[in-house]
Amino acid sequence: MLSSMLLRLHFKIKDCLSREDGQDLVEYALVVAIIAFGAVTAMKGLSTEIKTAFSTISSDLGTSL
């Protein structure tokens, strides 16, 4: 009985590994992760520039009042 269960488990795992259905999902997940990483990296650089612009605007407004 144990050997038949192990044999069925072996075939089930082999079937899961040979199917290609999940590969598309993994590829899409990797593409989304790369895009997210690029977006975060770009936002970090952009946030510094935005902070500088708002600081400049704030100081200009402070001196004009």
N, C-alpha and C. Protein backbone atom coordinates (compact mmCIF):
# COMPACT_ATOMS: atom_id res chain seq x y z
N MET A 1 0.83 -1.20 0.00
CA MET A 1 0.00 0.00 0.00
C MET A 1 0.87 1.26 0.00
N LEU A 2 1.93 1.26 0.81
CA LEU A 2 2.81 2.41 0.87
C LEU A 2 3.53 2.61 -0.45
N SER A 3 3.94 1.52 -1.07
CA SER A 3 4.63 1.64 -2.36
C SER A 3 3.70 2.16 -3.44
N SER A 4 2.44 1.78 -3.42
CA SER A 4 1.51 2.30 -4.43
C SER A 4 1.24 3.79 -4.19
N MET A 5 1.19 4.21 -2.94
CA MET A 5 1.01 5.63 -2.65
C MET A 5 2.22 6.43 -3.10
N LEU A 6 3.42 5.90 -2.85
CA LEU A 6 4.64 6.57 -3.29
C LEU A 6 4.73 6.62 -4.80
N LEU A 7 4.28 5.55 -5.45
CA LEU A 7 4.30 5.52 -6.91
C LEU A 7 3.33 6.56 -7.47
N ARG A 8 2.14 6.65 -6.89
CA ARG A 8 1.18 7.68 -7.34
C ARG A 8 1.72 9.08 -7.09
N LEU A 9 2.35 9.28 -5.93
CA LEU A 9 2.94 10.58 -5.61
C LEU A 9 4.05 10.92 -6.60
N HIS A 10 4.85 9.92 -6.94
CA HIS A 10 5.92 10.13 -7.91
C HIS A 10 5.35 10.57 -9.26
N PHE A 11 4.31 9.88 -9.72
CA PHE A 11 3.72 10.24 -11.01
C PHE A 11 3.04 11.61 -10.95
N LYS A 12 2.44 11.92 -9.81
CA LYS A 12 1.79 13.22 -9.66
C LYS A 12 2.82 14.35 -9.71
N ILE A 13 3.93 14.18 -9.03
CA ILE A 13 5.00 15.19 -9.04
C ILE A 13 5.61 15.30 -10.43
N LYS A 14 5.83 14.15 -11.06
CA LYS A 14 6.39 14.15 -12.42
C LYS A 14 5.46 14.87 -13.39
N ASP A 15 4.15 14.65 -13.24
CA ASP A 15 3.17 15.33 -14.09
C ASP A 15 3.18 16.83 -13.84
N CYS A 16 3.28 17.23 -12.59
CA CYS A 16 3.30 18.67 -12.28
C CYS A 16 4.55 19.34 -12.83
N LEU A 17 5.68 18.64 -12.78
CA LEU A 17 6.92 19.22 -13.28
C LEU A 17 6.96 19.28 -14.80
N SER A 18 6.27 18.37 -15.46
CA SER A 18 6.31 18.36 -16.92
C SER A 18 5.32 19.33 -17.54
N ARG A 19 4.31 19.75 -16.80
CA ARG A 19 3.34 20.70 -17.35
C ARG A 19 3.95 22.08 -17.46
N GLU A 20 3.52 22.82 -18.44
CA GLU A 20 4.07 24.16 -18.67
C GLU A 20 3.07 25.26 -18.35
N ASP A 21 1.95 24.91 -17.73
CA ASP A 21 0.93 25.91 -17.43
C ASP A 21 1.43 26.98 -16.48
N GLY A 22 2.14 26.58 -15.45
CA GLY A 22 2.60 27.52 -14.44
C GLY A 22 3.79 28.36 -14.87
N GLN A 23 4.45 27.96 -15.94
CA GLN A 23 5.63 28.70 -16.37
C GLN A 23 5.26 30.10 -16.85
N ASP A 24 4.13 30.24 -17.52
CA ASP A 24 3.70 31.56 -17.96
C ASP A 24 3.48 32.49 -16.78
N LEU A 25 2.88 31.96 -15.73
CA LEU A 25 2.62 32.76 -14.54
C LEU A 25 3.92 33.22 -13.90
N VAL A 26 4.89 32.34 -13.85
CA VAL A 26 6.19 32.70 -13.27
C VAL A 26 6.87 33.77 -14.13
N GLU A 27 6.79 33.63 -15.45
CA GLU A 27 7.40 34.62 -16.33
C GLU A 27 6.73 35.98 -16.15
N TYR A 28 5.41 36.01 -16.08
CA TYR A 28 4.72 37.28 -15.86
C TYR A 28 5.08 37.89 -14.51
N ALA A 29 5.21 37.05 -13.49
CA ALA A 29 5.58 37.55 -12.17
C ALA A 29 6.98 38.15 -12.19
N LEU A 30 7.90 37.53 -12.93
CA LEU A 30 9.25 38.08 -13.04
C LEU A 30 9.25 39.41 -13.78
N VAL A 31 8.45 39.51 -14.83
CA VAL A 31 8.36 40.78 -15.58
C VAL A 31 7.80 41.88 -14.68
N VAL A 32 6.75 41.56 -13.93
CA VAL A 32 6.16 42.54 -13.02
C VAL A 32 7.16 42.95 -11.95
N ALA A 33 7.93 42.01 -11.43
CA ALA A 33 8.93 42.34 -10.41
C ALA A 33 10.02 43.24 -10.97
N ILE A 34 10.45 42.99 -12.20
CA ILE A 34 11.48 43.83 -12.82
C ILE A 34 10.94 45.24 -13.06
N ILE A 35 9.70 45.34 -13.53
CA ILE A 35 9.10 46.65 -13.76
C ILE A 35 8.95 47.40 -12.44
N ALA A 36 8.51 46.70 -11.39
CA ALA A 36 8.36 47.34 -10.09
C ALA A 36 9.70 47.82 -9.55
N PHE A 37 10.74 47.01 -9.72
CA PHE A 37 12.07 47.41 -9.27
C PHE A 37 12.54 48.66 -10.01
N GLY A 38 12.32 48.69 -11.32
CA GLY A 38 12.69 49.87 -12.10
C GLY A 38 11.90 51.10 -11.69
N ALA A 39 10.62 50.93 -11.41
CA ALA A 39 9.79 52.06 -10.99
C ALA A 39 10.24 52.61 -9.64
N VAL A 40 10.56 51.72 -8.72
CA VAL A 40 11.02 52.17 -7.40
C VAL A 40 12.34 52.91 -7.52
N THR A 41 13.23 52.39 -8.34
CA THR A 41 14.52 53.04 -8.55
C THR A 41 14.34 54.42 -9.17
N ALA A 42 13.46 54.52 -10.16
CA ALA A 42 13.22 55.81 -10.81
C ALA A 42 12.56 56.79 -9.84
N MET A 43 11.65 56.31 -9.02
CA MET A 43 10.95 57.19 -8.08
C MET A 43 11.89 57.74 -7.01
N LYS A 44 12.89 56.95 -6.63
CA LYS A 44 13.85 57.45 -5.63
C LYS A 44 14.61 58.65 -6.18
N GLY A 45 15.06 58.56 -7.43
CA GLY A 45 15.76 59.68 -8.04
C GLY A 45 14.84 60.86 -8.27
N LEU A 46 13.62 60.57 -8.67
CA LEU A 46 12.65 61.64 -8.93
C LEU A 46 12.22 62.32 -7.63
N SER A 47 12.13 61.56 -6.55
CA SER A 47 11.70 62.16 -5.28
C SER A 47 12.72 63.18 -4.78
N THR A 48 13.98 62.95 -5.03
CA THR A 48 15.01 63.91 -4.63
C THR A 48 14.85 65.22 -5.40
N GLU A 49 14.59 65.10 -6.69
CA GLU A 49 14.40 66.30 -7.51
C GLU A 49 13.14 67.06 -7.11
N ILE A 50 12.07 66.33 -6.80
CA ILE A 50 10.83 66.98 -6.38
C ILE A 50 11.02 67.67 -5.04
N LYS A 51 11.73 67.02 -4.12
CA LYS A 51 12.00 67.63 -2.81
C LYS A 51 12.80 68.92 -2.98
N THR A 52 13.78 68.91 -3.87
CA THR A 52 14.58 70.11 -4.12
C THR A 52 13.72 71.22 -4.71
N ALA A 53 12.84 70.86 -5.64
CA ALA A 53 11.96 71.86 -6.26
C ALA A 53 11.03 72.48 -5.23
N PHE A 54 10.43 71.66 -4.36
CA PHE A 54 9.53 72.21 -3.35
C PHE A 54 10.29 73.04 -2.32
N SER A 55 11.50 72.66 -1.99
CA SER A 55 12.30 73.46 -1.06
C SER A 55 12.60 74.82 -1.66
N THR A 56 12.94 74.83 -2.95
CA THR A 56 13.21 76.09 -3.63
C THR A 56 11.98 76.98 -3.66
N ILE A 57 10.83 76.39 -3.99
CA ILE A 57 9.57 77.13 -4.02
C ILE A 57 9.24 77.67 -2.64
N SER A 58 9.44 76.84 -1.62
CA SER A 58 9.14 77.25 -0.25
C SER A 58 10.03 78.42 0.20
N SER A 59 11.30 78.34 -0.12
CA SER A 59 12.19 79.42 0.29
C SER A 59 11.90 80.70 -0.50
N ASP A 60 11.55 80.58 -1.77
CA ASP A 60 11.19 81.75 -2.57
C ASP A 60 9.93 82.42 -2.04
N LEU A 61 8.95 81.61 -1.67
CA LEU A 61 7.73 82.17 -1.10
C LEU A 61 7.99 82.82 0.24
N GLY A 62 8.88 82.20 1.03
CA GLY A 62 9.21 82.76 2.34
C GLY A 62 9.91 84.11 2.22
N THR A 63 10.77 84.28 1.24
CA THR A 63 11.47 85.55 1.09
C THR A 63 10.59 86.62 0.46
N SER A 64 9.61 86.20 -0.37
CA SER A 64 8.77 87.21 -1.02
C SER A 64 7.67 87.72 -0.09
N LEU A 65 7.36 87.00 0.96
CA LEU A 65 6.34 87.47 1.89
C LEU A 65 7.04 88.31 2.91
